[in-house]
C-alpha cells in the first residue's frame, strides 16, 4: 500500500509533467536556412561592389598614368628639341623607351638598375615592375600576382604611344592616330584596358570603350575627306 508521502510525491511529479516548458532559445532549421540565405545575398552584393570599386580605381590610375607619361614625353621633346633615335621607332613604352625617360629623370621608372651614384646602368632591374616596360595597372597587378609572368603576356599591358613626328601640332592617322582623326598634341598615350586589347583596332572605334586615353575628345577632329 502507498503511504501518504508517496502519494504526494506522485501528485507533484504529475503536476511538473503537465506544466508547459519554456520554448528553446535556439534556432529552428528553417530560421537557420533563412539566415544563411540572407548572409549569402549580402556576401554576393559586397563582392560585386568591391569588384566595381577596384575596376573604377584601376581605370582612374590608368588614366592618370597615361596623362603623366604624355607629359613626360612632351618634356623630353622640349628639352631635346626632337624625339631622338630611340623614341622615333617606338609605338609603346617598352624597356628602351622607359630607359630614355629614366635616364633623363623625367619619370619615376626603375626599368634599369642604378649605380652607387644614382646614375642609370645598362642592366635591367629584374625585380622591378617596370622590367618589361611601363605597364598599366592591370599589367602591374598580373606581375605582382605572378612574378614569373612572361614578357609576351605582360607586353599586352604596355602603354601605347604615338608621336607627332612632323611637328605640325597634331598626331594624325599617318602617325598612328585612330583612322580618320587628327588629335591635337605632340604625343598620344593610352592603356589598352583590362582586356589588353587595342579598342582602336579590335572595335574600329574612334572612341574606345575600356582603353584609357591621355587626350580628350575635344582635342580630336576629323581629317578632311574622312
N, C-alpha and C. Protein backbone atom coordinates (compact mmCIF):
# COMPACT_ATOMS: atom_id res chain seq x y z
N UNK A 1 0.84 -1.20 0.00
CA UNK A 1 0.00 0.00 0.00
C UNK A 1 0.87 1.24 0.00
N UNK A 2 0.36 2.30 -0.67
CA UNK A 2 1.14 3.53 -0.72
C UNK A 2 0.93 4.31 0.54
N UNK A 3 2.02 4.92 0.95
CA UNK A 3 1.92 5.85 2.07
C UNK A 3 1.47 7.21 1.56
N UNK A 4 1.06 8.06 2.49
CA UNK A 4 0.61 9.41 2.13
C UNK A 4 1.72 10.19 1.42
N UNK A 5 2.95 10.04 1.91
CA UNK A 5 4.09 10.75 1.30
C UNK A 5 4.33 10.31 -0.13
N UNK A 6 4.14 9.00 -0.38
CA UNK A 6 4.33 8.51 -1.74
C UNK A 6 3.30 9.11 -2.68
N UNK A 7 2.06 9.24 -2.19
CA UNK A 7 1.00 9.80 -3.00
C UNK A 7 1.27 11.27 -3.31
N UNK A 8 1.78 11.99 -2.30
CA UNK A 8 2.11 13.41 -2.52
C UNK A 8 3.21 13.57 -3.57
N UNK A 9 4.24 12.70 -3.49
CA UNK A 9 5.34 12.78 -4.45
C UNK A 9 4.85 12.50 -5.87
N UNK A 10 3.96 11.49 -6.00
CA UNK A 10 3.42 11.15 -7.31
C UNK A 10 2.60 12.31 -7.89
N UNK A 11 1.79 12.96 -7.02
CA UNK A 11 0.98 14.08 -7.48
C UNK A 11 1.86 15.25 -7.92
N UNK A 12 2.95 15.52 -7.19
CA UNK A 12 3.86 16.61 -7.54
C UNK A 12 4.54 16.34 -8.88
N UNK A 13 4.94 15.07 -9.08
CA UNK A 13 5.60 14.72 -10.34
C UNK A 13 4.64 14.89 -11.51
N UNK A 14 3.36 14.52 -11.29
CA UNK A 14 2.37 14.67 -12.35
C UNK A 14 2.15 16.13 -12.70
N UNK A 15 2.11 17.00 -11.68
CA UNK A 15 1.93 18.43 -11.94
C UNK A 15 3.10 19.01 -12.73
N UNK A 16 4.34 18.58 -12.37
CA UNK A 16 5.52 19.08 -13.08
C UNK A 16 5.50 18.68 -14.55
N UNK A 17 5.02 17.46 -14.82
CA UNK A 17 4.97 16.99 -16.21
C UNK A 17 3.93 17.75 -17.02
N UNK A 18 2.84 18.18 -16.33
CA UNK A 18 1.76 18.86 -17.04
C UNK A 18 2.07 20.33 -17.29
N UNK A 19 3.07 20.93 -16.61
CA UNK A 19 3.40 22.34 -16.80
C UNK A 19 4.17 22.51 -18.11
N UNK A 20 3.73 23.37 -19.03
CA UNK A 20 4.46 23.54 -20.32
C UNK A 20 5.84 24.13 -20.09
N UNK A 21 6.82 23.60 -20.82
CA UNK A 21 8.19 24.07 -20.71
C UNK A 21 8.38 25.33 -21.57
N UNK A 22 9.27 26.24 -21.16
CA UNK A 22 9.53 27.44 -21.97
C UNK A 22 10.18 27.03 -23.30
N UNK A 23 9.91 27.78 -24.35
CA UNK A 23 10.49 27.44 -25.67
C UNK A 23 12.02 27.47 -25.64
N UNK A 24 12.64 26.62 -26.45
CA UNK A 24 14.10 26.56 -26.53
C UNK A 24 14.64 27.86 -27.11
N UNK A 25 15.73 28.41 -26.56
CA UNK A 25 16.31 29.65 -27.08
C UNK A 25 17.03 29.48 -28.42
N UNK A 26 17.26 28.27 -28.92
CA UNK A 26 17.98 28.04 -30.16
C UNK A 26 17.15 28.32 -31.40
N UNK A 27 17.83 28.27 -32.60
CA UNK A 27 17.15 28.49 -33.88
C UNK A 27 16.56 27.19 -34.40
N UNK A 28 15.45 27.32 -35.08
CA UNK A 28 14.91 26.17 -35.80
C UNK A 28 15.67 26.02 -37.11
N UNK A 29 15.52 24.88 -37.76
CA UNK A 29 16.21 24.63 -39.03
C UNK A 29 15.79 25.65 -40.09
N UNK A 30 14.51 25.98 -40.14
CA UNK A 30 14.02 26.95 -41.12
C UNK A 30 14.66 28.32 -40.89
N UNK A 31 14.72 28.73 -39.61
CA UNK A 31 15.32 30.03 -39.29
C UNK A 31 16.79 30.08 -39.69
N UNK A 32 17.50 28.98 -39.45
CA UNK A 32 18.92 28.93 -39.82
C UNK A 32 19.10 29.02 -41.33
N UNK A 33 18.22 28.35 -42.09
CA UNK A 33 18.32 28.41 -43.54
C UNK A 33 18.03 29.82 -44.06
N UNK A 34 17.09 30.51 -43.45
CA UNK A 34 16.78 31.88 -43.85
C UNK A 34 17.98 32.79 -43.61
N UNK A 35 18.61 32.65 -42.42
CA UNK A 35 19.77 33.47 -42.08
C UNK A 35 20.93 33.21 -43.04
N UNK A 36 21.17 31.93 -43.36
CA UNK A 36 22.25 31.58 -44.29
C UNK A 36 21.98 32.18 -45.67
N UNK A 37 20.71 32.14 -46.10
CA UNK A 37 20.38 32.73 -47.38
C UNK A 37 20.62 34.23 -47.43
N UNK A 38 20.24 34.93 -46.35
CA UNK A 38 20.46 36.38 -46.28
C UNK A 38 21.94 36.71 -46.30
N UNK A 39 22.72 35.93 -45.52
CA UNK A 39 24.18 36.17 -45.50
C UNK A 39 24.79 35.95 -46.88
N UNK A 40 24.29 34.94 -47.61
CA UNK A 40 24.80 34.69 -48.95
C UNK A 40 24.52 35.85 -49.89
N UNK A 41 23.31 36.41 -49.80
CA UNK A 41 22.97 37.55 -50.64
C UNK A 41 23.83 38.76 -50.31
N UNK A 42 24.05 38.99 -49.01
CA UNK A 42 24.90 40.12 -48.61
C UNK A 42 26.33 39.94 -49.10
N UNK A 43 26.85 38.71 -48.99
CA UNK A 43 28.23 38.45 -49.44
C UNK A 43 28.36 38.68 -50.94
N UNK A 44 27.36 38.23 -51.71
CA UNK A 44 27.41 38.42 -53.17
C UNK A 44 27.37 39.91 -53.52
N UNK A 45 26.54 40.67 -52.80
CA UNK A 45 26.46 42.11 -53.05
C UNK A 45 27.77 42.81 -52.73
N UNK A 46 28.41 42.39 -51.63
CA UNK A 46 29.68 43.00 -51.23
C UNK A 46 30.78 42.69 -52.23
N UNK A 47 30.82 41.43 -52.71
CA UNK A 47 31.84 41.05 -53.69
C UNK A 47 31.66 41.85 -54.98
N UNK A 48 30.42 41.98 -55.44
CA UNK A 48 30.16 42.75 -56.65
C UNK A 48 30.53 44.21 -56.48
N UNK A 49 30.23 44.77 -55.32
CA UNK A 49 30.55 46.17 -55.05
C UNK A 49 32.06 46.37 -55.00
N UNK A 50 32.77 45.43 -54.36
CA UNK A 50 34.23 45.54 -54.27
C UNK A 50 34.87 45.45 -55.64
N UNK A 51 34.37 44.55 -56.49
CA UNK A 51 34.93 44.40 -57.84
C UNK A 51 34.73 45.69 -58.64
N UNK A 52 33.57 46.30 -58.48
CA UNK A 52 33.30 47.56 -59.20
C UNK A 52 34.22 48.66 -58.71
N UNK A 53 34.40 48.75 -57.40
CA UNK A 53 35.29 49.77 -56.83
C UNK A 53 36.72 49.57 -57.32
N UNK A 54 37.17 48.30 -57.33
CA UNK A 54 38.53 48.01 -57.78
C UNK A 54 38.71 48.36 -59.25
N UNK A 55 37.73 48.04 -60.08
CA UNK A 55 37.81 48.36 -61.50
C UNK A 55 37.86 49.88 -61.72
N UNK A 56 36.99 50.60 -60.99
CA UNK A 56 36.96 52.06 -61.13
C UNK A 56 38.29 52.67 -60.72
N UNK A 57 38.88 52.16 -59.64
CA UNK A 57 40.16 52.67 -59.16
C UNK A 57 41.26 52.43 -60.20
N UNK A 58 41.28 51.25 -60.80
CA UNK A 58 42.31 50.96 -61.80
C UNK A 58 42.12 51.79 -63.07
N UNK A 59 40.89 52.04 -63.44
CA UNK A 59 40.64 52.90 -64.59
C UNK A 59 41.18 54.31 -64.34
N UNK A 60 40.95 54.82 -63.12
CA UNK A 60 41.46 56.15 -62.77
C UNK A 60 42.98 56.16 -62.76
N UNK A 61 43.59 55.10 -62.23
CA UNK A 61 45.06 55.01 -62.21
C UNK A 61 45.62 54.96 -63.63
N UNK A 62 44.97 54.20 -64.51
CA UNK A 62 45.43 54.10 -65.89
C UNK A 62 45.32 55.44 -66.61
N UNK A 63 44.23 56.15 -66.35
CA UNK A 63 44.05 57.47 -66.95
C UNK A 63 45.16 58.42 -66.51
N UNK A 64 45.44 58.41 -65.21
CA UNK A 64 46.49 59.28 -64.66
C UNK A 64 47.85 58.90 -65.22
N UNK A 65 48.12 57.59 -65.30
CA UNK A 65 49.42 57.13 -65.80
C UNK A 65 49.61 57.54 -67.26
N UNK A 66 48.57 57.41 -68.07
CA UNK A 66 48.66 57.82 -69.48
C UNK A 66 48.95 59.31 -69.59
N UNK A 67 48.26 60.11 -68.78
CA UNK A 67 48.46 61.56 -68.84
C UNK A 67 49.85 61.96 -68.38
N UNK A 68 50.32 61.34 -67.31
CA UNK A 68 51.65 61.66 -66.78
C UNK A 68 52.75 61.23 -67.76
N UNK A 69 52.55 60.10 -68.42
CA UNK A 69 53.53 59.65 -69.41
C UNK A 69 53.57 60.61 -70.60
N UNK A 70 52.40 61.06 -71.04
CA UNK A 70 52.34 62.03 -72.14
C UNK A 70 53.07 63.32 -71.76
N UNK A 71 52.90 63.75 -70.51
CA UNK A 71 53.58 64.96 -70.03
C UNK A 71 55.09 64.76 -70.04
N UNK A 72 55.55 63.61 -69.56
CA UNK A 72 56.99 63.32 -69.53
C UNK A 72 57.59 63.30 -70.93
N UNK A 73 56.88 62.69 -71.87
CA UNK A 73 57.36 62.65 -73.26
C UNK A 73 57.38 64.05 -73.89
N UNK A 74 56.38 64.85 -73.56
CA UNK A 74 56.36 66.23 -74.08
C UNK A 74 57.53 67.04 -73.53
N UNK A 75 57.86 66.81 -72.26
CA UNK A 75 59.02 67.49 -71.65
C UNK A 75 60.31 67.06 -72.33
N UNK A 76 60.39 65.77 -72.67
CA UNK A 76 61.57 65.29 -73.38
C UNK A 76 61.71 66.01 -74.73
N UNK A 77 60.60 66.14 -75.44
CA UNK A 77 60.62 66.82 -76.73
C UNK A 77 61.09 68.26 -76.58
N UNK A 78 60.62 68.95 -75.56
CA UNK A 78 61.02 70.34 -75.33
C UNK A 78 62.51 70.45 -74.99
N UNK A 79 62.98 69.54 -74.15
CA UNK A 79 64.38 69.60 -73.72
C UNK A 79 65.34 69.22 -74.85
N UNK A 80 65.00 68.18 -75.59
CA UNK A 80 65.90 67.65 -76.61
C UNK A 80 65.66 68.24 -77.99
N UNK A 81 64.53 68.96 -78.14
CA UNK A 81 64.14 69.55 -79.42
C UNK A 81 64.05 68.50 -80.53
N UNK A 82 63.53 67.38 -80.16
CA UNK A 82 63.34 66.28 -81.09
C UNK A 82 63.05 65.02 -80.31
N UNK A 83 62.68 63.96 -81.05
CA UNK A 83 62.32 62.71 -80.38
C UNK A 83 63.50 61.78 -80.17
N UNK A 84 64.59 62.01 -80.84
CA UNK A 84 65.73 61.12 -80.69
C UNK A 84 65.55 59.83 -81.46
N UNK A 85 66.63 59.12 -81.66
CA UNK A 85 66.62 57.91 -82.47
C UNK A 85 65.79 56.79 -81.85
N UNK A 86 65.78 56.69 -80.52
CA UNK A 86 65.08 55.58 -79.87
C UNK A 86 63.57 55.77 -79.93
N UNK A 87 63.08 56.90 -79.46
CA UNK A 87 61.64 57.11 -79.38
C UNK A 87 60.98 57.14 -80.76
N UNK A 88 61.70 57.60 -81.77
CA UNK A 88 61.13 57.67 -83.12
C UNK A 88 60.71 56.30 -83.64
N UNK A 89 61.30 55.26 -83.11
CA UNK A 89 60.99 53.89 -83.59
C UNK A 89 59.94 53.20 -82.72
N UNK A 90 59.43 53.89 -81.69
CA UNK A 90 58.58 53.22 -80.71
C UNK A 90 57.10 53.54 -80.88
N UNK A 91 56.28 52.52 -80.64
CA UNK A 91 54.83 52.70 -80.57
C UNK A 91 54.29 52.24 -79.23
N UNK A 92 55.17 51.89 -78.34
CA UNK A 92 54.77 51.51 -76.99
C UNK A 92 55.92 51.78 -76.03
N UNK A 93 55.59 51.85 -74.74
CA UNK A 93 56.61 52.13 -73.73
C UNK A 93 57.29 50.84 -73.32
N UNK A 94 58.15 50.34 -74.21
CA UNK A 94 58.91 49.15 -73.88
C UNK A 94 60.13 49.53 -73.04
N UNK A 95 61.02 48.57 -72.83
CA UNK A 95 62.17 48.82 -71.95
C UNK A 95 63.04 49.97 -72.44
N UNK A 96 63.29 50.01 -73.76
CA UNK A 96 64.17 51.06 -74.29
C UNK A 96 63.52 52.43 -74.15
N UNK A 97 62.23 52.52 -74.42
CA UNK A 97 61.54 53.81 -74.27
C UNK A 97 61.54 54.26 -72.82
N UNK A 98 61.35 53.32 -71.91
CA UNK A 98 61.42 53.65 -70.48
C UNK A 98 62.81 54.14 -70.11
N UNK A 99 63.83 53.51 -70.71
CA UNK A 99 65.20 53.91 -70.42
C UNK A 99 65.47 55.36 -70.80
N UNK A 100 64.86 55.83 -71.89
CA UNK A 100 65.05 57.21 -72.33
C UNK A 100 64.54 58.17 -71.24
N UNK A 101 63.35 57.92 -70.73
CA UNK A 101 62.79 58.81 -69.70
C UNK A 101 63.49 58.64 -68.36
N UNK A 102 63.89 57.39 -68.06
CA UNK A 102 64.59 57.16 -66.79
C UNK A 102 65.94 57.86 -66.77
N UNK A 103 66.66 57.80 -67.88
CA UNK A 103 67.98 58.42 -67.94
C UNK A 103 67.88 59.94 -67.77
N UNK A 104 66.85 60.53 -68.36
CA UNK A 104 66.66 61.98 -68.25
C UNK A 104 65.95 62.38 -66.95
N UNK A 105 65.54 61.37 -66.18
CA UNK A 105 64.85 61.58 -64.90
C UNK A 105 63.58 62.41 -65.08
N UNK A 106 62.87 62.09 -66.13
CA UNK A 106 61.61 62.77 -66.42
C UNK A 106 60.42 61.99 -65.89
N UNK A 107 60.66 60.76 -65.48
CA UNK A 107 59.58 59.91 -64.97
C UNK A 107 60.18 58.95 -63.95
N UNK A 108 59.40 58.63 -62.92
CA UNK A 108 59.88 57.75 -61.86
C UNK A 108 59.80 56.30 -62.31
N UNK A 109 60.86 55.84 -62.98
CA UNK A 109 60.91 54.48 -63.50
C UNK A 109 62.09 53.73 -62.91
N UNK A 110 61.96 52.41 -62.82
CA UNK A 110 63.03 51.58 -62.26
C UNK A 110 63.36 50.42 -63.21
N UNK A 111 63.21 50.66 -64.51
CA UNK A 111 63.45 49.61 -65.50
C UNK A 111 64.90 49.14 -65.46
N UNK A 112 65.82 50.08 -65.33
CA UNK A 112 67.25 49.75 -65.29
C UNK A 112 67.80 50.03 -63.89
N UNK A 113 68.81 49.26 -63.53
CA UNK A 113 69.45 49.46 -62.24
C UNK A 113 70.25 50.76 -62.22
N UNK A 114 70.53 51.24 -61.02
CA UNK A 114 71.35 52.43 -60.85
C UNK A 114 72.66 52.07 -60.16
N UNK A 115 73.70 52.85 -60.46
CA UNK A 115 74.97 52.62 -59.78
C UNK A 115 74.98 53.37 -58.45
N UNK A 116 76.11 53.32 -57.77
CA UNK A 116 76.22 53.93 -56.44
C UNK A 116 76.01 55.44 -56.47
N UNK A 117 76.19 56.04 -57.63
CA UNK A 117 75.99 57.49 -57.76
C UNK A 117 74.57 57.86 -58.15
N UNK A 118 73.73 56.83 -58.34
CA UNK A 118 72.34 57.09 -58.71
C UNK A 118 72.13 57.21 -60.20
N UNK A 119 73.17 56.93 -60.99
CA UNK A 119 73.04 57.01 -62.45
C UNK A 119 72.55 55.67 -63.02
N UNK A 120 71.79 55.75 -64.09
CA UNK A 120 71.24 54.55 -64.70
C UNK A 120 72.33 53.72 -65.36
N UNK A 121 72.24 52.41 -65.17
CA UNK A 121 73.17 51.49 -65.83
C UNK A 121 72.45 50.82 -67.01
N UNK A 122 73.16 49.95 -67.70
CA UNK A 122 72.57 49.23 -68.83
C UNK A 122 71.94 47.91 -68.41
N UNK A 123 71.92 47.62 -67.11
CA UNK A 123 71.41 46.34 -66.60
C UNK A 123 69.94 46.46 -66.20
N UNK A 124 69.11 45.54 -66.72
CA UNK A 124 67.68 45.54 -66.39
C UNK A 124 67.50 45.18 -64.92
N UNK A 125 66.63 45.89 -64.27
CA UNK A 125 66.28 45.60 -62.87
C UNK A 125 65.20 44.52 -62.87
N UNK A 126 65.62 43.28 -62.68
CA UNK A 126 64.70 42.14 -62.80
C UNK A 126 63.68 42.08 -61.66
N UNK A 127 63.87 42.88 -60.63
CA UNK A 127 62.92 42.90 -59.51
C UNK A 127 61.86 43.99 -59.69
N UNK A 128 62.01 44.81 -60.72
CA UNK A 128 61.12 45.96 -60.90
C UNK A 128 59.85 45.57 -61.66
N UNK A 129 58.75 46.23 -61.33
CA UNK A 129 57.52 46.05 -62.09
C UNK A 129 57.62 46.70 -63.46
N UNK A 130 58.69 47.49 -63.68
CA UNK A 130 58.93 48.14 -64.98
C UNK A 130 59.88 47.34 -65.85
N UNK A 131 60.21 46.12 -65.44
CA UNK A 131 61.27 45.38 -66.16
C UNK A 131 60.87 45.00 -67.58
N UNK A 132 59.57 44.96 -67.86
CA UNK A 132 59.11 44.67 -69.22
C UNK A 132 58.61 45.92 -69.92
N UNK A 133 58.84 47.08 -69.34
CA UNK A 133 58.33 48.33 -69.88
C UNK A 133 57.31 48.92 -68.92
N UNK A 134 56.71 50.02 -69.33
CA UNK A 134 55.74 50.70 -68.48
C UNK A 134 54.37 50.06 -68.66
N UNK A 135 53.92 49.31 -67.65
CA UNK A 135 52.67 48.58 -67.71
C UNK A 135 51.55 49.39 -67.05
N UNK A 136 50.33 49.15 -67.53
CA UNK A 136 49.18 49.80 -66.91
C UNK A 136 48.83 49.07 -65.60
N UNK A 137 47.87 49.55 -64.82
CA UNK A 137 47.56 48.92 -63.53
C UNK A 137 47.17 47.45 -63.62
N UNK A 138 46.52 47.05 -64.70
CA UNK A 138 46.15 45.64 -64.85
C UNK A 138 47.38 44.78 -65.08
N UNK A 139 48.32 45.28 -65.86
CA UNK A 139 49.56 44.54 -66.09
C UNK A 139 50.40 44.44 -64.83
N UNK A 140 50.46 45.52 -64.08
CA UNK A 140 51.23 45.51 -62.84
C UNK A 140 50.62 44.55 -61.82
N UNK A 141 49.29 44.49 -61.79
CA UNK A 141 48.61 43.56 -60.88
C UNK A 141 48.91 42.11 -61.28
N UNK A 142 48.94 41.83 -62.59
CA UNK A 142 49.28 40.49 -63.06
C UNK A 142 50.70 40.11 -62.66
N UNK A 143 51.62 41.07 -62.79
CA UNK A 143 53.01 40.80 -62.49
C UNK A 143 53.22 40.60 -60.98
N UNK A 144 52.48 41.35 -60.17
CA UNK A 144 52.57 41.14 -58.71
C UNK A 144 52.06 39.74 -58.34
N UNK A 145 50.95 39.35 -58.96
CA UNK A 145 50.35 38.06 -58.62
C UNK A 145 51.18 36.89 -59.16
N UNK A 146 51.89 37.11 -60.27
CA UNK A 146 52.68 36.05 -60.89
C UNK A 146 54.03 36.61 -61.32
N UNK A 147 55.00 36.62 -60.42
CA UNK A 147 56.33 37.18 -60.74
C UNK A 147 57.02 36.49 -61.92
N UNK A 148 56.60 35.27 -62.25
CA UNK A 148 57.21 34.53 -63.37
C UNK A 148 56.48 34.76 -64.69
N UNK A 149 55.58 35.73 -64.70
CA UNK A 149 54.83 36.03 -65.93
C UNK A 149 55.78 36.34 -67.07
N UNK A 150 55.50 35.79 -68.23
CA UNK A 150 56.37 36.00 -69.39
C UNK A 150 56.22 37.40 -69.96
N UNK A 151 57.25 37.86 -70.65
CA UNK A 151 57.23 39.22 -71.21
C UNK A 151 56.15 39.38 -72.27
N UNK A 152 55.88 38.34 -73.06
CA UNK A 152 54.88 38.45 -74.11
C UNK A 152 53.49 38.69 -73.52
N UNK A 153 53.22 38.08 -72.38
CA UNK A 153 51.92 38.28 -71.74
C UNK A 153 51.84 39.67 -71.11
N UNK A 154 52.94 40.08 -70.46
CA UNK A 154 52.97 41.40 -69.83
C UNK A 154 52.89 42.51 -70.88
N UNK A 155 53.45 42.26 -72.06
CA UNK A 155 53.51 43.28 -73.11
C UNK A 155 52.13 43.74 -73.56
N UNK A 156 51.10 42.92 -73.35
CA UNK A 156 49.74 43.31 -73.73
C UNK A 156 49.28 44.55 -72.97
N UNK A 157 49.92 44.78 -71.83
CA UNK A 157 49.50 45.89 -70.97
C UNK A 157 50.52 47.04 -70.95
N UNK A 158 51.44 47.06 -71.92
CA UNK A 158 52.32 48.22 -72.05
C UNK A 158 51.52 49.43 -72.53
N UNK A 159 51.89 50.60 -72.04
CA UNK A 159 51.27 51.81 -72.54
C UNK A 159 51.64 52.01 -74.01
N UNK A 160 50.66 52.39 -74.81
CA UNK A 160 50.87 52.65 -76.23
C UNK A 160 51.16 54.14 -76.44
N UNK A 161 52.04 54.44 -77.39
CA UNK A 161 52.38 55.85 -77.65
C UNK A 161 52.38 56.11 -79.16
N UNK A 162 51.99 57.33 -79.52
CA UNK A 162 52.11 57.80 -80.90
C UNK A 162 52.63 59.24 -80.84
N UNK A 163 53.56 59.57 -81.72
CA UNK A 163 54.26 60.85 -81.66
C UNK A 163 53.96 61.72 -82.87
N UNK A 164 53.98 63.02 -82.63
CA UNK A 164 53.86 64.00 -83.72
C UNK A 164 55.24 64.13 -84.35
N UNK A 165 55.50 63.32 -85.35
CA UNK A 165 56.84 63.26 -85.92
C UNK A 165 57.10 64.35 -86.96
N UNK A 166 56.05 64.98 -87.50
CA UNK A 166 56.27 66.06 -88.46
C UNK A 166 56.12 67.44 -87.81
N UNK A 167 55.87 67.43 -86.49
CA UNK A 167 55.85 68.67 -85.68
C UNK A 167 54.85 69.71 -86.20
N UNK A 168 53.67 69.23 -86.62
CA UNK A 168 52.63 70.17 -87.06
C UNK A 168 51.60 70.45 -85.97
N UNK A 169 51.84 69.89 -84.76
CA UNK A 169 50.93 70.12 -83.64
C UNK A 169 49.81 69.11 -83.55
N UNK A 170 49.81 68.12 -84.45
CA UNK A 170 48.77 67.09 -84.45
C UNK A 170 49.42 65.71 -84.63
N UNK A 171 48.75 64.70 -84.08
CA UNK A 171 49.08 63.31 -84.41
C UNK A 171 47.94 62.82 -85.30
N UNK A 172 48.26 62.46 -86.53
CA UNK A 172 47.22 62.05 -87.47
C UNK A 172 47.32 60.54 -87.73
N UNK A 173 46.47 60.07 -88.65
CA UNK A 173 46.43 58.63 -88.93
C UNK A 173 47.76 58.11 -89.45
N UNK A 174 48.47 58.94 -90.21
CA UNK A 174 49.77 58.52 -90.72
C UNK A 174 50.80 58.34 -89.62
N UNK A 175 50.55 58.96 -88.47
CA UNK A 175 51.45 58.83 -87.32
C UNK A 175 50.88 57.90 -86.26
N UNK A 176 49.77 57.23 -86.61
CA UNK A 176 49.23 56.22 -85.70
C UNK A 176 47.98 56.60 -84.96
N UNK A 177 47.40 57.77 -85.24
CA UNK A 177 46.14 58.15 -84.61
C UNK A 177 45.02 57.27 -85.17
N UNK A 178 43.89 57.17 -84.46
CA UNK A 178 42.76 56.40 -84.99
C UNK A 178 42.39 56.87 -86.39
N UNK A 179 42.04 55.95 -87.25
CA UNK A 179 41.76 56.25 -88.64
C UNK A 179 40.73 57.36 -88.79
N UNK A 180 41.08 58.36 -89.58
CA UNK A 180 40.16 59.45 -89.85
C UNK A 180 40.21 60.59 -88.86
N UNK A 181 41.11 60.53 -87.88
CA UNK A 181 41.18 61.59 -86.87
C UNK A 181 42.55 62.25 -86.85
N UNK A 182 42.54 63.53 -86.54
CA UNK A 182 43.76 64.26 -86.18
C UNK A 182 43.56 64.73 -84.74
N UNK A 183 44.53 64.44 -83.89
CA UNK A 183 44.40 64.76 -82.47
C UNK A 183 45.46 65.79 -82.10
N UNK A 184 45.00 66.89 -81.56
CA UNK A 184 45.90 67.98 -81.22
C UNK A 184 46.81 67.57 -80.06
N UNK A 185 48.11 67.74 -80.28
CA UNK A 185 49.09 67.42 -79.24
C UNK A 185 50.36 66.88 -79.86
N UNK A 186 51.39 66.81 -79.06
CA UNK A 186 52.67 66.30 -79.55
C UNK A 186 52.82 64.79 -79.33
N UNK A 187 51.98 64.23 -78.47
CA UNK A 187 52.09 62.80 -78.18
C UNK A 187 50.75 62.27 -77.69
N UNK A 188 50.44 61.04 -78.08
CA UNK A 188 49.26 60.33 -77.57
C UNK A 188 49.73 59.14 -76.77
N UNK A 189 49.10 58.91 -75.63
CA UNK A 189 49.42 57.76 -74.79
C UNK A 189 48.11 57.12 -74.35
N UNK A 190 48.05 55.79 -74.38
CA UNK A 190 46.85 55.14 -73.85
C UNK A 190 47.16 53.74 -73.31
N UNK A 191 46.29 53.33 -72.40
CA UNK A 191 46.29 51.96 -71.87
C UNK A 191 45.25 51.16 -72.63
N UNK A 192 45.55 49.91 -72.90
CA UNK A 192 44.61 49.05 -73.62
C UNK A 192 43.49 48.53 -72.73
N UNK A 193 43.53 48.85 -71.46
CA UNK A 193 42.45 48.44 -70.57
C UNK A 193 42.63 47.03 -70.04
N UNK A 194 41.63 46.54 -69.30
CA UNK A 194 41.76 45.24 -68.62
C UNK A 194 41.91 44.06 -69.57
N UNK A 195 41.39 44.18 -70.80
CA UNK A 195 41.49 43.04 -71.73
C UNK A 195 42.81 43.01 -72.48
N UNK A 196 43.63 44.06 -72.35
CA UNK A 196 44.92 44.08 -73.03
C UNK A 196 44.82 44.15 -74.53
N UNK A 197 43.64 44.59 -75.05
CA UNK A 197 43.43 44.67 -76.50
C UNK A 197 43.18 46.13 -76.88
N UNK A 198 43.69 46.49 -78.03
CA UNK A 198 43.56 47.86 -78.52
C UNK A 198 42.19 48.05 -79.13
N UNK A 199 41.35 48.85 -78.49
CA UNK A 199 39.99 49.07 -79.00
C UNK A 199 39.98 49.71 -80.38
N UNK A 200 40.98 50.53 -80.68
CA UNK A 200 41.02 51.18 -81.99
C UNK A 200 41.08 50.14 -83.11
N UNK A 201 41.80 49.06 -82.86
CA UNK A 201 41.96 48.03 -83.88
C UNK A 201 40.85 46.98 -83.82
N UNK A 202 40.52 46.57 -82.60
CA UNK A 202 39.56 45.47 -82.44
C UNK A 202 38.14 45.91 -82.76
N UNK A 203 37.75 47.10 -82.29
CA UNK A 203 36.37 47.55 -82.46
C UNK A 203 36.21 48.61 -83.54
N UNK A 204 37.32 48.97 -84.19
CA UNK A 204 37.28 50.00 -85.23
C UNK A 204 36.53 51.23 -84.74
N UNK A 205 36.85 51.64 -83.51
CA UNK A 205 36.13 52.75 -82.90
C UNK A 205 37.07 53.92 -82.67
N UNK A 206 36.57 55.13 -82.94
CA UNK A 206 37.36 56.31 -82.64
C UNK A 206 37.36 56.61 -81.15
N UNK A 207 36.33 56.10 -80.46
CA UNK A 207 36.18 56.38 -79.04
C UNK A 207 36.07 55.05 -78.30
N UNK A 208 37.19 54.50 -77.89
CA UNK A 208 37.22 53.15 -77.31
C UNK A 208 36.41 53.04 -76.01
N UNK A 209 36.06 51.79 -75.70
CA UNK A 209 35.21 51.51 -74.55
C UNK A 209 35.99 51.43 -73.24
N UNK A 210 37.06 50.63 -73.21
CA UNK A 210 37.76 50.44 -71.94
C UNK A 210 39.22 50.92 -71.98
N UNK A 211 39.70 51.40 -73.13
CA UNK A 211 41.04 51.99 -73.16
C UNK A 211 41.01 53.32 -72.40
N UNK A 212 42.13 53.64 -71.74
CA UNK A 212 42.25 54.91 -71.01
C UNK A 212 43.20 55.81 -71.79
N UNK A 213 42.75 57.02 -72.15
CA UNK A 213 43.46 57.89 -73.07
C UNK A 213 44.08 59.10 -72.37
N UNK A 214 45.18 59.59 -72.94
CA UNK A 214 45.82 60.80 -72.39
C UNK A 214 45.17 62.06 -72.95
N UNK A 215 44.30 61.92 -73.95
CA UNK A 215 43.68 63.08 -74.58
C UNK A 215 42.16 62.99 -74.40
N UNK A 216 41.49 64.11 -74.64
CA UNK A 216 40.04 64.13 -74.57
C UNK A 216 39.45 64.32 -75.97
N UNK A 217 38.17 64.11 -76.08
CA UNK A 217 37.53 64.16 -77.39
C UNK A 217 37.58 65.57 -78.00
N UNK A 218 37.72 66.59 -77.15
CA UNK A 218 37.81 67.95 -77.66
C UNK A 218 39.09 68.22 -78.45
N UNK A 219 40.11 67.37 -78.23
CA UNK A 219 41.37 67.54 -78.96
C UNK A 219 41.33 66.88 -80.33
N UNK A 220 40.31 66.06 -80.59
CA UNK A 220 40.26 65.30 -81.84
C UNK A 220 39.33 65.96 -82.84
N UNK A 221 39.70 65.91 -84.09
CA UNK A 221 38.81 66.36 -85.15
C UNK A 221 39.00 65.48 -86.36
N UNK A 222 37.95 65.39 -87.14
CA UNK A 222 38.01 64.54 -88.35
C UNK A 222 38.93 65.15 -89.38
N UNK A 223 39.71 64.29 -90.04
CA UNK A 223 40.56 64.77 -91.12
C UNK A 223 39.70 65.10 -92.35
N UNK A 224 40.18 65.98 -93.15
CA UNK A 224 39.46 66.38 -94.36
C UNK A 224 39.25 65.16 -95.25
N UNK A 225 37.98 65.02 -95.70
CA UNK A 225 37.68 63.91 -96.60
C UNK A 225 37.38 62.62 -95.90
N UNK A 226 37.38 62.64 -94.53
CA UNK A 226 37.13 61.39 -93.81
C UNK A 226 35.70 61.37 -93.30
